[in-house]
Amino acid sequence: VQVDTSGEVTKNGVPPEEAPAVAEHIVAACGPSLRFAGLMTIGAPDDARCFDVLVAARDAVSQRLALPAEQIALSMGMSGDFEEAIRRGSTSVRVGSSIF
């Protein structure tokens, strides 16, 4: 589930406070067609607070679904900030521009 952690008009996703309800809907209503795996964000450049917002959203989803937080993936961080994202709990980063 993509979460808008920055509020920038150039970014998309559900507001952080809606992430638990969206995750719950996926688990309850989508059956085997769609499996909730985690949350992702593309935060604002040079604003690591976006990572903290996603971690907080993950904690709220964890509580709502009665799942250990460690079972909910966090995809955050790109080539320019992946190290900070990992420090703040990212389980998946996107580093395409560092490779190409």
C-alpha atoms as a PDB file:
ATOM      1  CA  VAL A   1       0.000   0.000   0.000  1.00  0.00           C
ATOM      2  CA  GLN A   2       1.518   3.314  -1.042  1.00  0.00           C
ATOM      3  CA  VAL A   3       1.370   5.958   1.676  1.00  0.00           C
ATOM      4  CA  ASP A   4       1.758   9.679   1.019  1.00  0.00           C
ATOM      5  CA  THR A   5       4.130  10.686   3.800  1.00  0.00           C
ATOM      6  CA  SER A   6       5.109  14.099   2.464  1.00  0.00           C
ATOM      7  CA  GLY A   7       1.893  15.742   1.316  1.00  0.00           C
ATOM      8  CA  GLU A   8       3.608  16.909  -1.874  1.00  0.00           C
ATOM      9  CA  VAL A   9       1.309  17.345  -4.872  1.00  0.00           C
ATOM     10  CA  THR A  10       3.762  15.316  -6.947  1.00  0.00           C
ATOM     11  CA  LYS A  11       3.339  12.250  -4.717  1.00  0.00           C
ATOM     12  CA  ASN A  12       0.481   9.777  -4.420  1.00  0.00           C
ATOM     13  CA  GLY A  13      -0.788   7.282  -1.890  1.00  0.00           C
ATOM     14  CA  VAL A  14      -3.244   7.043   0.929  1.00  0.00           C
ATOM     15  CA  PRO A  15      -2.901   9.443   3.835  1.00  0.00           C
ATOM     16  CA  PRO A  16      -0.991   7.779   6.703  1.00  0.00           C
ATOM     17  CA  GLU A  17      -4.058   7.753   8.944  1.00  0.00           C
ATOM     18  CA  GLU A  18      -5.979   5.726   6.324  1.00  0.00           C
ATOM     19  CA  ALA A  19      -3.340   2.996   5.938  1.00  0.00           C
ATOM     20  CA  PRO A  20      -4.762   0.743   8.703  1.00  0.00           C
ATOM     21  CA  ALA A  21      -8.253   0.751   7.176  1.00  0.00           C
ATOM     22  CA  VAL A  22      -6.932   0.088   3.668  1.00  0.00           C
ATOM     23  CA  ALA A  23      -4.771  -2.790   4.903  1.00  0.00           C
ATOM     24  CA  GLU A  24      -7.701  -4.212   6.861  1.00  0.00           C
ATOM     25  CA  HIS A  25      -9.921  -4.018   3.774  1.00  0.00           C
ATOM     26  CA  ILE A  26      -7.342  -5.874   1.681  1.00  0.00           C
ATOM     27  CA  VAL A  27      -7.047  -8.639   4.262  1.00  0.00           C
ATOM     28  CA  ALA A  28     -10.800  -8.934   4.853  1.00  0.00           C
ATOM     29  CA  ALA A  29     -12.280  -8.395   1.415  1.00  0.00           C
ATOM     30  CA  CYS A  30      -9.762  -9.257  -1.269  1.00  0.00           C
ATOM     31  CA  GLY A  31      -9.323 -12.930  -0.495  1.00  0.00           C
ATOM     32  CA  PRO A  32      -6.626 -14.822  -2.341  1.00  0.00           C
ATOM     33  CA  SER A  33      -6.598 -12.315  -5.215  1.00  0.00           C
ATOM     34  CA  LEU A  34      -4.574  -9.738  -3.313  1.00  0.00           C
ATOM     35  CA  ARG A  35      -2.307 -10.176  -0.300  1.00  0.00           C
ATOM     36  CA  PHE A  36      -1.305  -7.304   1.939  1.00  0.00           C
ATOM     37  CA  ALA A  37       2.493  -7.373   2.247  1.00  0.00           C
ATOM     38  CA  GLY A  38       3.458  -3.940   3.529  1.00  0.00           C
ATOM     39  CA  LEU A  39       3.720  -0.210   3.026  1.00  0.00           C
ATOM     40  CA  MET A  40       5.809   1.947   0.722  1.00  0.00           C
ATOM     41  CA  THR A  41       6.521   5.613   0.280  1.00  0.00           C
ATOM     42  CA  ILE A  42       8.547   7.988  -1.800  1.00  0.00           C
ATOM     43  CA  GLY A  43       9.277  10.735   0.673  1.00  0.00           C
ATOM     44  CA  ALA A  44      10.207  14.330   0.090  1.00  0.00           C
ATOM     45  CA  PRO A  45      13.838  14.892  -0.891  1.00  0.00           C
ATOM     46  CA  ASP A  46      16.090  15.482   2.105  1.00  0.00           C
ATOM     47  CA  ASP A  47      13.266  14.920   4.608  1.00  0.00           C
ATOM     48  CA  ALA A  48      13.862  11.754   6.603  1.00  0.00           C
ATOM     49  CA  ARG A  49      10.774  12.486   8.699  1.00  0.00           C
ATOM     50  CA  CYS A  50       8.802  10.814   5.909  1.00  0.00           C
ATOM     51  CA  PHE A  51      10.420   7.538   6.975  1.00  0.00           C
ATOM     52  CA  ASP A  52       9.232   8.075  10.539  1.00  0.00           C
ATOM     53  CA  VAL A  53       5.695   8.707   9.271  1.00  0.00           C
ATOM     54  CA  LEU A  54       5.753   5.383   7.410  1.00  0.00           C
ATOM     55  CA  VAL A  55       7.073   3.538  10.470  1.00  0.00           C
ATOM     56  CA  ALA A  56       4.236   5.025  12.526  1.00  0.00           C
ATOM     57  CA  ALA A  57       1.720   3.973   9.852  1.00  0.00           C
ATOM     58  CA  ARG A  58       3.177   0.461   9.939  1.00  0.00           C
ATOM     59  CA  ASP A  59       2.783   0.371  13.723  1.00  0.00           C
ATOM     60  CA  ALA A  60      -0.870   1.423  13.380  1.00  0.00           C
ATOM     61  CA  VAL A  61      -1.465  -1.251  10.730  1.00  0.00           C
ATOM     62  CA  SER A  62       0.259  -3.812  12.940  1.00  0.00           C
ATOM     63  CA  GLN A  63      -2.041  -2.964  15.812  1.00  0.00           C
ATOM     64  CA  ARG A  64      -5.180  -2.952  13.636  1.00  0.00           C
ATOM     65  CA  LEU A  65      -4.375  -6.326  12.044  1.00  0.00           C
ATOM     66  CA  ALA A  66      -2.913  -7.867  15.206  1.00  0.00           C
ATOM     67  CA  LEU A  67       0.272  -8.698  13.291  1.00  0.00           C
ATOM     68  CA  PRO A  68       3.836  -8.334  14.517  1.00  0.00           C
ATOM     69  CA  ALA A  69       5.284  -5.180  12.970  1.00  0.00           C
ATOM     70  CA  GLU A  70       8.215  -7.232  11.659  1.00  0.00           C
ATOM     71  CA  GLN A  71       5.805  -9.075   9.331  1.00  0.00           C
ATOM     72  CA  ILE A  72       4.869  -5.848   7.543  1.00  0.00           C
ATOM     73  CA  ALA A  73       7.377  -4.803   4.893  1.00  0.00           C
ATOM     74  CA  LEU A  74       8.516  -1.186   4.668  1.00  0.00           C
ATOM     75  CA  SER A  75       9.666  -0.022   1.258  1.00  0.00           C
ATOM     76  CA  MET A  76      11.246   3.393   1.617  1.00  0.00           C
ATOM     77  CA  GLY A  77      14.467   4.967   0.494  1.00  0.00           C
ATOM     78  CA  MET A  78      16.004   5.537  -2.895  1.00  0.00           C
ATOM     79  CA  SER A  79      19.525   5.999  -4.235  1.00  0.00           C
ATOM     80  CA  GLY A  80      20.083   9.295  -2.427  1.00  0.00           C
ATOM     81  CA  ASP A  81      18.721   8.351   0.992  1.00  0.00           C
ATOM     82  CA  PHE A  82      18.611   4.565   1.253  1.00  0.00           C
ATOM     83  CA  GLU A  83      21.160   4.405   4.080  1.00  0.00           C
ATOM     84  CA  GLU A  84      19.016   6.645   6.302  1.00  0.00           C
ATOM     85  CA  ALA A  85      15.910   4.677   5.300  1.00  0.00           C
ATOM     86  CA  ILE A  86      17.591   1.443   6.396  1.00  0.00           C
ATOM     87  CA  ARG A  87      18.593   3.020   9.703  1.00  0.00           C
ATOM     88  CA  ARG A  88      14.936   3.953  10.234  1.00  0.00           C
ATOM     89  CA  GLY A  89      13.583   0.480   9.457  1.00  0.00           C
ATOM     90  CA  SER A  90      13.286   0.023   5.704  1.00  0.00           C
ATOM     91  CA  THR A  91      13.124  -3.596   4.556  1.00  0.00           C
ATOM     92  CA  SER A  92      13.306  -2.711   0.854  1.00  0.00           C
ATOM     93  CA  VAL A  93      15.014   0.153  -0.973  1.00  0.00           C
ATOM     94  CA  ARG A  94      15.000   1.342  -4.584  1.00  0.00           C
ATOM     95  CA  VAL A  95      18.467   2.164  -5.877  1.00  0.00           C
ATOM     96  CA  GLY A  96      18.010   2.133  -9.652  1.00  0.00           C
ATOM     97  CA  SER A  97      19.784   5.402 -10.383  1.00  0.00           C
ATOM     98  CA  SER A  98      22.817   4.214  -8.393  1.00  0.00           C
ATOM     99  CA  ILE A  99      23.082   1.203 -10.670  1.00  0.00           C
ATOM    100  CA  PHE A 100      22.387   2.801 -14.025  1.00  0.00           C
END
